[in-house]
Amino acid sequence: PQDLDRFKELPMRVEFMSEVGKVNTLILKYLDRDDEGMCSWELADV
């Protein structure tokens, strides 16, 4: 996760595993991460 904060001002192409086991992709902007490892994102303005 270390690069997420470093590049948080840039839009990111995020590939993540869904609850049904499918890899989904969204273009997002990173916001923050809590102590439990949950990352918060918003849609990138692209």
All heavy atoms as atom14 arrays in JSON, in Angstrom:
{
  "sequence": "PQDLDRFKELPMRVEFMSEVGKVNTLILKYLDRDDEGMCSWELADV",
  "atom14_mask": [
    [1, 1, 1, 1, 1, 1, 1, 0, 0, 0, 0, 0, 0, 0],
    [1, 1, 1, 1, 1, 1, 1, 1, 1, 0, 0, 0, 0, 0],
    [1, 1, 1, 1, 1, 1, 1, 1, 0, 0, 0, 0, 0, 0],
    [1, 1, 1, 1, 1, 1, 1, 1, 0, 0, 0, 0, 0, 0],
    [1, 1, 1, 1, 1, 1, 1, 1, 0, 0, 0, 0, 0, 0],
    [1, 1, 1, 1, 1, 1, 1, 1, 1, 1, 1, 0, 0, 0],
    [1, 1, 1, 1, 1, 1, 1, 1, 1, 1, 1, 0, 0, 0],
    [1, 1, 1, 1, 1, 1, 1, 1, 1, 0, 0, 0, 0, 0],
    [1, 1, 1, 1, 1, 1, 1, 1, 1, 0, 0, 0, 0, 0],
    [1, 1, 1, 1, 1, 1, 1, 1, 0, 0, 0, 0, 0, 0],
    [1, 1, 1, 1, 1, 1, 1, 0, 0, 0, 0, 0, 0, 0],
    [1, 1, 1, 1, 1, 1, 1, 1, 0, 0, 0, 0, 0, 0],
    [1, 1, 1, 1, 1, 1, 1, 1, 1, 1, 1, 0, 0, 0],
    [1, 1, 1, 1, 1, 1, 1, 0, 0, 0, 0, 0, 0, 0],
    [1, 1, 1, 1, 1, 1, 1, 1, 1, 0, 0, 0, 0, 0],
    [1, 1, 1, 1, 1, 1, 1, 1, 1, 1, 1, 0, 0, 0],
    [1, 1, 1, 1, 1, 1, 1, 1, 0, 0, 0, 0, 0, 0],
    [1, 1, 1, 1, 1, 1, 0, 0, 0, 0, 0, 0, 0, 0],
    [1, 1, 1, 1, 1, 1, 1, 1, 1, 0, 0, 0, 0, 0],
    [1, 1, 1, 1, 1, 1, 1, 0, 0, 0, 0, 0, 0, 0],
    [1, 1, 1, 1, 0, 0, 0, 0, 0, 0, 0, 0, 0, 0],
    [1, 1, 1, 1, 1, 1, 1, 1, 1, 0, 0, 0, 0, 0],
    [1, 1, 1, 1, 1, 1, 1, 0, 0, 0, 0, 0, 0, 0],
    [1, 1, 1, 1, 1, 1, 1, 1, 0, 0, 0, 0, 0, 0],
    [1, 1, 1, 1, 1, 1, 1, 0, 0, 0, 0, 0, 0, 0],
    [1, 1, 1, 1, 1, 1, 1, 1, 0, 0, 0, 0, 0, 0],
    [1, 1, 1, 1, 1, 1, 1, 1, 0, 0, 0, 0, 0, 0],
    [1, 1, 1, 1, 1, 1, 1, 1, 0, 0, 0, 0, 0, 0],
    [1, 1, 1, 1, 1, 1, 1, 1, 1, 0, 0, 0, 0, 0],
    [1, 1, 1, 1, 1, 1, 1, 1, 1, 1, 1, 1, 0, 0],
    [1, 1, 1, 1, 1, 1, 1, 1, 0, 0, 0, 0, 0, 0],
    [1, 1, 1, 1, 1, 1, 1, 1, 0, 0, 0, 0, 0, 0],
    [1, 1, 1, 1, 1, 1, 1, 1, 1, 1, 1, 0, 0, 0],
    [1, 1, 1, 1, 1, 1, 1, 1, 0, 0, 0, 0, 0, 0],
    [1, 1, 1, 1, 1, 1, 1, 1, 0, 0, 0, 0, 0, 0],
    [1, 1, 1, 1, 1, 1, 1, 1, 1, 0, 0, 0, 0, 0],
    [1, 1, 1, 1, 0, 0, 0, 0, 0, 0, 0, 0, 0, 0],
    [1, 1, 1, 1, 1, 1, 1, 1, 0, 0, 0, 0, 0, 0],
    [1, 1, 1, 1, 1, 1, 0, 0, 0, 0, 0, 0, 0, 0],
    [1, 1, 1, 1, 1, 1, 0, 0, 0, 0, 0, 0, 0, 0],
    [1, 1, 1, 1, 1, 1, 1, 1, 1, 1, 1, 1, 1, 1],
    [1, 1, 1, 1, 1, 1, 1, 1, 1, 0, 0, 0, 0, 0],
    [1, 1, 1, 1, 1, 1, 1, 1, 0, 0, 0, 0, 0, 0],
    [1, 1, 1, 1, 1, 0, 0, 0, 0, 0, 0, 0, 0, 0],
    [1, 1, 1, 1, 1, 1, 1, 1, 0, 0, 0, 0, 0, 0],
    [1, 1, 1, 1, 1, 1, 1, 0, 0, 0, 0, 0, 0, 0]
  ],
  "atom14_positions": [
    [[0.79, -1.23, 0.0], [0.0, 0.0, 0.0], [0.82, 1.29, 0.0], [0.26, 2.37, -0.08], [-0.79, -0.1, 1.31], [0.2, -0.77, 2.24], [0.99, -1.75, 1.39], [0.0, 0.0, 0.0], [0.0, 0.0, 0.0], [0.0, 0.0, 0.0], [0.0, 0.0, 0.0], [0.0, 0.0, 0.0], [0.0, 0.0, 0.0], [0.0, 0.0, 0.0]],
    [[2.15, 1.2, 0.13], [2.93, 2.4, 0.4], [2.87, 3.46, -0.69], [2.96, 4.66, -0.39], [4.39, 2.04, 0.71], [5.07, 1.15, -0.3], [5.02, -0.32, 0.09], [3.97, -0.81, 0.45], [6.16, -0.99, 0.01], [0.0, 0.0, 0.0], [0.0, 0.0, 0.0], [0.0, 0.0, 0.0], [0.0, 0.0, 0.0], [0.0, 0.0, 0.0]],
    [[2.7, 3.06, -1.94], [2.66, 4.04, -3.02], [1.32, 4.76, -3.12], [1.19, 5.76, -3.83], [2.96, 3.38, -4.37], [4.46, 3.25, -4.63], [5.25, 3.83, -3.86], [4.83, 2.55, -5.59], [0.0, 0.0, 0.0], [0.0, 0.0, 0.0], [0.0, 0.0, 0.0], [0.0, 0.0, 0.0], [0.0, 0.0, 0.0], [0.0, 0.0, 0.0]],
    [[0.3, 4.26, -2.45], [-1.02, 4.87, -2.57], [-1.0, 6.31, -2.05], [-1.54, 7.23, -2.68], [-2.06, 4.05, -1.81], [-2.28, 2.62, -2.32], [-3.33, 1.91, -1.47], [-2.7, 2.63, -3.79], [0.0, 0.0, 0.0], [0.0, 0.0, 0.0], [0.0, 0.0, 0.0], [0.0, 0.0, 0.0], [0.0, 0.0, 0.0], [0.0, 0.0, 0.0]],
    [[-0.4, 6.53, -0.89], [-0.31, 7.89, -0.35], [0.62, 8.76, -1.19], [0.35, 9.94, -1.41], [0.19, 7.86, 1.09], [-0.91, 7.47, 2.07], [-1.99, 8.08, 2.0], [-0.69, 6.57, 2.89], [0.0, 0.0, 0.0], [0.0, 0.0, 0.0], [0.0, 0.0, 0.0], [0.0, 0.0, 0.0], [0.0, 0.0, 0.0], [0.0, 0.0, 0.0]],
    [[1.68, 8.17, -1.66], [2.65, 8.95, -2.44], [2.03, 9.53, -3.71], [2.32, 10.66, -4.08], [3.84, 8.06, -2.8], [4.88, 8.76, -3.66], [6.0, 7.83, -4.06], [6.88, 8.45, -5.02], [7.82, 7.83, -5.7], [8.02, 6.53, -5.5], [8.57, 8.47, -6.57], [0.0, 0.0, 0.0], [0.0, 0.0, 0.0], [0.0, 0.0, 0.0]],
    [[1.18, 8.75, -4.38], [0.61, 9.19, -5.65], [-0.88, 9.51, -5.55], [-1.6, 9.45, -6.54], [0.83, 8.12, -6.72], [2.28, 7.88, -7.05], [2.95, 6.78, -6.53], [2.97, 8.75, -7.86], [4.3, 6.55, -6.83], [4.31, 8.54, -8.17], [4.98, 7.44, -7.65], [0.0, 0.0, 0.0], [0.0, 0.0, 0.0], [0.0, 0.0, 0.0]],
    [[-1.35, 9.87, -4.37], [-2.78, 10.04, -4.15], [-3.38, 11.2, -4.93], [-4.61, 11.27, -5.09], [-3.07, 10.19, -2.66], [-2.6, 11.49, -2.02], [-2.86, 11.48, -0.53], [-4.3, 11.27, -0.19], [-4.56, 11.25, 1.27], [0.0, 0.0, 0.0], [0.0, 0.0, 0.0], [0.0, 0.0, 0.0], [0.0, 0.0, 0.0], [0.0, 0.0, 0.0]],
    [[-2.57, 12.13, -5.43], [-3.09, 13.24, -6.22], [-3.35, 12.85, -7.68], [-3.91, 13.64, -8.44], [-2.12, 14.42, -6.17], [-1.9, 14.99, -4.78], [-3.19, 15.4, -4.1], [-4.06, 15.99, -4.77], [-3.35, 15.09, -2.9], [0.0, 0.0, 0.0], [0.0, 0.0, 0.0], [0.0, 0.0, 0.0], [0.0, 0.0, 0.0], [0.0, 0.0, 0.0]],
    [[-2.95, 11.65, -8.06], [-3.1, 11.21, -9.44], [-4.2, 10.16, -9.57], [-4.41, 9.37, -8.65], [-1.78, 10.6, -9.95], [-0.54, 11.5, -9.88], [0.69, 10.73, -10.32], [-0.73, 12.75, -10.73], [0.0, 0.0, 0.0], [0.0, 0.0, 0.0], [0.0, 0.0, 0.0], [0.0, 0.0, 0.0], [0.0, 0.0, 0.0], [0.0, 0.0, 0.0]],
    [[-4.93, 10.14, -10.69], [-5.93, 9.08, -10.89], [-5.24, 7.73, -11.02], [-4.12, 7.63, -11.53], [-6.63, 9.49, -12.19], [-5.65, 10.36, -12.91], [-4.88, 11.08, -11.83], [0.0, 0.0, 0.0], [0.0, 0.0, 0.0], [0.0, 0.0, 0.0], [0.0, 0.0, 0.0], [0.0, 0.0, 0.0], [0.0, 0.0, 0.0], [0.0, 0.0, 0.0]],
    [[-5.93, 6.68, -10.57], [-5.35, 5.34, -10.58], [-6.31, 4.34, -11.22], [-7.53, 4.42, -11.04], [-5.03, 4.89, -9.15], [-4.06, 5.78, -8.42], [-3.79, 5.22, -6.71], [-2.76, 6.57, -6.08], [0.0, 0.0, 0.0], [0.0, 0.0, 0.0], [0.0, 0.0, 0.0], [0.0, 0.0, 0.0], [0.0, 0.0, 0.0], [0.0, 0.0, 0.0]],
    [[-5.73, 3.42, -11.94], [-6.49, 2.3, -12.49], [-6.41, 1.17, -11.46], [-5.34, 0.59, -11.24], [-5.88, 1.87, -13.83], [-6.6, 0.73, -14.54], [-5.8, 0.32, -15.77], [-6.45, -0.75, -16.52], [-7.19, -0.57, -17.6], [-7.36, 0.64, -18.1], [-7.74, -1.6, -18.22], [0.0, 0.0, 0.0], [0.0, 0.0, 0.0], [0.0, 0.0, 0.0]],
    [[-7.52, 0.88, -10.83], [-7.55, -0.01, -9.68], [-8.2, -1.34, -10.06], [-9.37, -1.37, -10.47], [-8.32, 0.63, -8.51], [-8.31, -0.29, -7.29], [-7.73, 1.99, -8.17], [0.0, 0.0, 0.0], [0.0, 0.0, 0.0], [0.0, 0.0, 0.0], [0.0, 0.0, 0.0], [0.0, 0.0, 0.0], [0.0, 0.0, 0.0], [0.0, 0.0, 0.0]],
    [[-7.46, -2.42, -9.94], [-7.99, -3.76, -10.16], [-8.15, -4.43, -8.8], [-7.19, -4.52, -8.03], [-7.04, -4.57, -11.05], [-6.81, -3.93, -12.43], [-5.73, -4.64, -13.21], [-5.43, -5.81, -12.88], [-5.18, -4.03, -14.15], [0.0, 0.0, 0.0], [0.0, 0.0, 0.0], [0.0, 0.0, 0.0], [0.0, 0.0, 0.0], [0.0, 0.0, 0.0]],
    [[-9.36, -4.87, -8.51], [-9.63, -5.44, -7.2], [-10.57, -6.62, -7.31], [-11.34, -6.75, -8.26], [-10.21, -4.37, -6.26], [-11.53, -3.81, -6.72], [-12.73, -4.32, -6.25], [-11.57, -2.76, -7.63], [-13.94, -3.81, -6.66], [-12.78, -2.23, -8.05], [-13.97, -2.76, -7.57], [0.0, 0.0, 0.0], [0.0, 0.0, 0.0], [0.0, 0.0, 0.0]],
    [[-10.49, -7.49, -6.32], [-11.32, -8.69, -6.3], [-12.68, -8.37, -5.68], [-12.76, -7.8, -4.59], [-10.63, -9.78, -5.48], [-11.32, -11.14, -5.57], [-11.19, -11.87, -7.22], [-9.41, -12.21, -7.3], [0.0, 0.0, 0.0], [0.0, 0.0, 0.0], [0.0, 0.0, 0.0], [0.0, 0.0, 0.0], [0.0, 0.0, 0.0], [0.0, 0.0, 0.0]],
    [[-13.73, -8.72, -6.4], [-15.08, -8.48, -5.89], [-15.5, -9.6, -4.94], [-14.8, -10.6, -4.78], [-16.07, -8.41, -7.06], [-16.25, -9.7, -7.63], [0.0, 0.0, 0.0], [0.0, 0.0, 0.0], [0.0, 0.0, 0.0], [0.0, 0.0, 0.0], [0.0, 0.0, 0.0], [0.0, 0.0, 0.0], [0.0, 0.0, 0.0], [0.0, 0.0, 0.0]],
    [[-16.66, -9.43, -4.34], [-17.14, -10.43, -3.39], [-17.44, -11.75, -4.07], [-17.49, -12.79, -3.41], [-18.39, -9.91, -2.67], [-18.11, -8.71, -1.77], [-19.36, -8.19, -1.08], [-20.45, -8.72, -1.41], [-19.25, -7.29, -0.24], [0.0, 0.0, 0.0], [0.0, 0.0, 0.0], [0.0, 0.0, 0.0], [0.0, 0.0, 0.0], [0.0, 0.0, 0.0]],
    [[-17.69, -11.73, -5.38], [-18.02, -12.97, -6.09], [-16.8, -13.57, -6.77], [-16.9, -14.48, -7.59], [-19.14, -12.71, -7.14], [-20.41, -12.29, -6.44], [-18.7, -11.67, -8.16], [0.0, 0.0, 0.0], [0.0, 0.0, 0.0], [0.0, 0.0, 0.0], [0.0, 0.0, 0.0], [0.0, 0.0, 0.0], [0.0, 0.0, 0.0], [0.0, 0.0, 0.0]],
    [[-15.61, -13.04, -6.44], [-14.38, -13.62, -6.97], [-13.99, -13.16, -8.35], [-13.15, -13.78, -9.0], [0.0, 0.0, 0.0], [0.0, 0.0, 0.0], [0.0, 0.0, 0.0], [0.0, 0.0, 0.0], [0.0, 0.0, 0.0], [0.0, 0.0, 0.0], [0.0, 0.0, 0.0], [0.0, 0.0, 0.0], [0.0, 0.0, 0.0], [0.0, 0.0, 0.0]],
    [[-14.56, -12.06, -8.81], [-14.24, -11.51, -10.12], [-13.34, -10.3, -9.96], [-13.54, -9.48, -9.05], [-15.51, -11.11, -10.86], [-15.27, -10.45, -12.21], [-16.57, -9.98, -12.83], [-16.31, -9.23, -14.14], [-17.58, -8.71, -14.73], [0.0, 0.0, 0.0], [0.0, 0.0, 0.0], [0.0, 0.0, 0.0], [0.0, 0.0, 0.0], [0.0, 0.0, 0.0]],
    [[-12.33, -10.17, -10.82], [-11.48, -8.99, -10.78], [-12.15, -7.85, -11.54], [-12.44, -7.97, -12.73], [-10.09, -9.28, -11.39], [-9.25, -8.01, -11.42], [-9.37, -10.35, -10.59], [0.0, 0.0, 0.0], [0.0, 0.0, 0.0], [0.0, 0.0, 0.0], [0.0, 0.0, 0.0], [0.0, 0.0, 0.0], [0.0, 0.0, 0.0], [0.0, 0.0, 0.0]],
    [[-12.45, -6.78, -10.85], [-13.07, -5.6, -11.45], [-12.05, -4.48, -11.55], [-11.06, -4.45, -10.81], [-14.27, -5.13, -10.61], [-15.44, -6.1, -10.71], [-15.72, -6.65, -11.75], [-16.11, -6.3, -9.59], [0.0, 0.0, 0.0], [0.0, 0.0, 0.0], [0.0, 0.0, 0.0], [0.0, 0.0, 0.0], [0.0, 0.0, 0.0], [0.0, 0.0, 0.0]],
    [[-12.29, -3.56, -12.45], [-11.38, -2.43, -12.66], [-12.16, -1.13, -12.69], [-13.16, -1.02, -13.4], [-10.6, -2.58, -13.99], [-9.91, -3.83, -13.99], [-9.59, -1.46, -14.14], [0.0, 0.0, 0.0], [0.0, 0.0, 0.0], [0.0, 0.0, 0.0], [0.0, 0.0, 0.0], [0.0, 0.0, 0.0], [0.0, 0.0, 0.0], [0.0, 0.0, 0.0]],
    [[-11.7, -0.16, -11.91], [-12.28, 1.18, -11.89], [-11.15, 2.21, -11.95], [-10.03, 1.95, -11.51], [-13.1, 1.4, -10.62], [-14.43, 0.66, -10.49], [-14.99, 0.82, -9.09], [-15.43, 1.16, -11.53], [0.0, 0.0, 0.0], [0.0, 0.0, 0.0], [0.0, 0.0, 0.0], [0.0, 0.0, 0.0], [0.0, 0.0, 0.0], [0.0, 0.0, 0.0]],
    [[-11.47, 3.38, -12.47], [-10.54, 4.5, -12.45], [-10.91, 5.39, -11.27], [-11.96, 6.04, -11.28], [-10.57, 5.31, -13.77], [-10.42, 4.37, -14.96], [-9.48, 6.37, -13.76], [-9.16, 3.55, -14.95], [0.0, 0.0, 0.0], [0.0, 0.0, 0.0], [0.0, 0.0, 0.0], [0.0, 0.0, 0.0], [0.0, 0.0, 0.0], [0.0, 0.0, 0.0]],
    [[-10.07, 5.39, -10.24], [-10.41, 6.02, -8.97], [-9.33, 6.98, -8.51], [-8.21, 6.97, -9.02], [-10.62, 4.95, -7.89], [-11.68, 3.87, -8.17], [-11.63, 2.79, -7.09], [-13.07, 4.48, -8.26], [0.0, 0.0, 0.0], [0.0, 0.0, 0.0], [0.0, 0.0, 0.0], [0.0, 0.0, 0.0], [0.0, 0.0, 0.0], [0.0, 0.0, 0.0]],
    [[-9.69, 7.77, -7.51], [-8.74, 8.64, -6.83], [-8.66, 8.18, -5.37], [-9.68, 8.04, -4.7], [-9.17, 10.1, -6.9], [-8.15, 11.09, -6.36], [-8.61, 12.52, -6.63], [-7.54, 13.52, -6.19], [-7.35, 13.54, -4.73], [0.0, 0.0, 0.0], [0.0, 0.0, 0.0], [0.0, 0.0, 0.0], [0.0, 0.0, 0.0], [0.0, 0.0, 0.0]],
    [[-7.46, 7.92, -4.91], [-7.27, 7.41, -3.56], [-7.48, 8.52, -2.53], [-7.01, 9.65, -2.7], [-5.86, 6.83, -3.43], [-5.5, 6.35, -2.05], [-6.05, 5.19, -1.53], [-4.59, 7.06, -1.27], [-5.72, 4.74, -0.26], [-4.25, 6.62, 0.0], [-4.81, 5.46, 0.5], [-4.48, 5.03, 1.76], [0.0, 0.0, 0.0], [0.0, 0.0, 0.0]],
    [[-8.17, 8.17, -1.43], [-8.44, 9.14, -0.36], [-7.62, 8.82, 0.89], [-6.81, 9.63, 1.33], [-9.93, 9.17, -0.04], [-10.84, 9.6, -1.2], [-12.3, 9.49, -0.8], [-10.5, 11.02, -1.65], [0.0, 0.0, 0.0], [0.0, 0.0, 0.0], [0.0, 0.0, 0.0], [0.0, 0.0, 0.0], [0.0, 0.0, 0.0], [0.0, 0.0, 0.0]],
    [[-7.85, 7.66, 1.47], [-7.11, 7.3, 2.68], [-7.29, 5.82, 2.99], [-8.03, 5.12, 2.31], [-7.54, 8.16, 3.88], [-9.04, 8.1, 4.13], [-9.62, 7.01, 4.02], [-9.64, 9.15, 4.41], [0.0, 0.0, 0.0], [0.0, 0.0, 0.0], [0.0, 0.0, 0.0], [0.0, 0.0, 0.0], [0.0, 0.0, 0.0], [0.0, 0.0, 0.0]],
    [[-6.62, 5.38, 4.07], [-6.7, 3.99, 4.51], [-6.78, 3.97, 6.02], [-6.02, 4.66, 6.7], [-5.49, 3.21, 4.01], [-5.42, 1.76, 4.47], [-4.35, 1.0, 3.67], [-3.04, 1.64, 3.75], [-2.07, 1.24, 4.57], [-2.28, 0.23, 5.39], [-0.91, 1.85, 4.58], [0.0, 0.0, 0.0], [0.0, 0.0, 0.0], [0.0, 0.0, 0.0]],
    [[-7.7, 3.18, 6.57], [-7.84, 3.15, 8.02], [-6.92, 2.08, 8.63], [-6.2, 1.38, 7.93], [-9.3, 2.93, 8.43], [-9.85, 1.57, 7.99], [-9.05, 0.63, 7.75], [-11.09, 1.43, 7.89], [0.0, 0.0, 0.0], [0.0, 0.0, 0.0], [0.0, 0.0, 0.0], [0.0, 0.0, 0.0], [0.0, 0.0, 0.0], [0.0, 0.0, 0.0]],
    [[-6.96, 1.99, 9.94], [-6.08, 1.07, 10.66], [-6.4, -0.4, 10.37], [-5.56, -1.27, 10.63], [-6.17, 1.32, 12.17], [-5.62, 2.68, 12.57], [-4.8, 3.22, 11.8], [-6.01, 3.2, 13.63], [0.0, 0.0, 0.0], [0.0, 0.0, 0.0], [0.0, 0.0, 0.0], [0.0, 0.0, 0.0], [0.0, 0.0, 0.0], [0.0, 0.0, 0.0]],
    [[-7.59, -0.66, 9.87], [-7.99, -2.03, 9.55], [-7.62, -2.43, 8.12], [-7.93, -3.54, 7.68], [-9.5, -2.2, 9.76], [-9.98, -1.85, 11.16], [-9.34, -2.73, 12.21], [-9.16, -3.93, 11.92], [-9.01, -2.23, 13.3], [0.0, 0.0, 0.0], [0.0, 0.0, 0.0], [0.0, 0.0, 0.0], [0.0, 0.0, 0.0], [0.0, 0.0, 0.0]],
    [[-6.99, -1.51, 7.38], [-6.59, -1.82, 6.01], [-7.68, -1.6, 4.98], [-7.58, -2.11, 3.86], [0.0, 0.0, 0.0], [0.0, 0.0, 0.0], [0.0, 0.0, 0.0], [0.0, 0.0, 0.0], [0.0, 0.0, 0.0], [0.0, 0.0, 0.0], [0.0, 0.0, 0.0], [0.0, 0.0, 0.0], [0.0, 0.0, 0.0], [0.0, 0.0, 0.0]],
    [[-8.7, -0.83, 5.32], [-9.77, -0.51, 4.38], [-9.43, 0.79, 3.65], [-9.22, 1.82, 4.28], [-11.11, -0.36, 5.09], [-12.28, -0.13, 4.15], [-12.63, -1.56, 3.1], [-13.35, -2.7, 4.3], [0.0, 0.0, 0.0], [0.0, 0.0, 0.0], [0.0, 0.0, 0.0], [0.0, 0.0, 0.0], [0.0, 0.0, 0.0], [0.0, 0.0, 0.0]],
    [[-9.34, 0.72, 2.33], [-9.0, 1.9, 1.53], [-10.26, 2.59, 1.05], [-11.22, 1.95, 0.6], [-8.16, 1.5, 0.32], [-6.57, 0.75, 0.72], [0.0, 0.0, 0.0], [0.0, 0.0, 0.0], [0.0, 0.0, 0.0], [0.0, 0.0, 0.0], [0.0, 0.0, 0.0], [0.0, 0.0, 0.0], [0.0, 0.0, 0.0], [0.0, 0.0, 0.0]],
    [[-10.26, 3.91, 1.13], [-11.38, 4.71, 0.67], [-11.0, 5.42, -0.62], [-9.91, 5.99, -0.74], [-11.76, 5.74, 1.74], [-12.85, 6.54, 1.31], [0.0, 0.0, 0.0], [0.0, 0.0, 0.0], [0.0, 0.0, 0.0], [0.0, 0.0, 0.0], [0.0, 0.0, 0.0], [0.0, 0.0, 0.0], [0.0, 0.0, 0.0], [0.0, 0.0, 0.0]],
    [[-11.92, 5.37, -1.58], [-11.68, 5.94, -2.91], [-12.89, 6.75, -3.37], [-13.99, 6.58, -2.87], [-11.45, 4.83, -3.95], [-10.43, 3.81, -3.59], [-10.58, 2.76, -2.71], [-9.1, 3.7, -4.1], [-9.43, 2.01, -2.66], [-8.5, 2.56, -3.5], [-8.36, 4.44, -5.03], [-7.21, 2.15, -3.8], [-7.07, 4.03, -5.32], [-6.51, 2.91, -4.71]],
    [[-12.65, 7.6, -4.36], [-13.73, 8.27, -5.07], [-13.47, 8.14, -6.56], [-12.34, 7.84, -6.98], [-13.84, 9.74, -4.67], [-12.62, 10.56, -5.07], [-12.73, 12.01, -4.61], [-13.7, 12.34, -3.9], [-11.84, 12.81, -4.97], [0.0, 0.0, 0.0], [0.0, 0.0, 0.0], [0.0, 0.0, 0.0], [0.0, 0.0, 0.0], [0.0, 0.0, 0.0]],
    [[-14.5, 8.36, -7.37], [-14.3, 8.3, -8.81], [-13.34, 9.39, -9.26], [-13.45, 10.54, -8.84], [-15.64, 8.48, -9.54], [-16.58, 7.28, -9.6], [-17.87, 7.67, -10.3], [-15.93, 6.1, -10.31], [0.0, 0.0, 0.0], [0.0, 0.0, 0.0], [0.0, 0.0, 0.0], [0.0, 0.0, 0.0], [0.0, 0.0, 0.0], [0.0, 0.0, 0.0]],
    [[-12.39, 9.04, -10.11], [-11.49, 10.03, -10.67], [-12.21, 10.84, -11.73], [-13.03, 10.3, -12.49], [-10.26, 9.34, -11.28], [0.0, 0.0, 0.0], [0.0, 0.0, 0.0], [0.0, 0.0, 0.0], [0.0, 0.0, 0.0], [0.0, 0.0, 0.0], [0.0, 0.0, 0.0], [0.0, 0.0, 0.0], [0.0, 0.0, 0.0], [0.0, 0.0, 0.0]],
    [[-11.93, 12.11, -11.78], [-12.57, 13.0, -12.76], [-11.83, 12.88, -14.1], [-11.04, 13.75, -14.48], [-12.56, 14.43, -12.25], [-13.42, 15.35, -13.12], [-14.12, 14.83, -14.02], [-13.39, 16.58, -12.9], [0.0, 0.0, 0.0], [0.0, 0.0, 0.0], [0.0, 0.0, 0.0], [0.0, 0.0, 0.0], [0.0, 0.0, 0.0], [0.0, 0.0, 0.0]],
    [[-12.09, 11.79, -14.8], [-11.44, 11.5, -16.07], [-12.5, 11.13, -17.11], [-13.65, 10.83, -16.76], [-10.41, 10.35, -15.94], [-9.28, 10.75, -15.0], [-11.08, 9.08, -15.45], [0.0, 0.0, 0.0], [0.0, 0.0, 0.0], [0.0, 0.0, 0.0], [0.0, 0.0, 0.0], [0.0, 0.0, 0.0], [0.0, 0.0, 0.0], [0.0, 0.0, 0.0]]
  ]
}
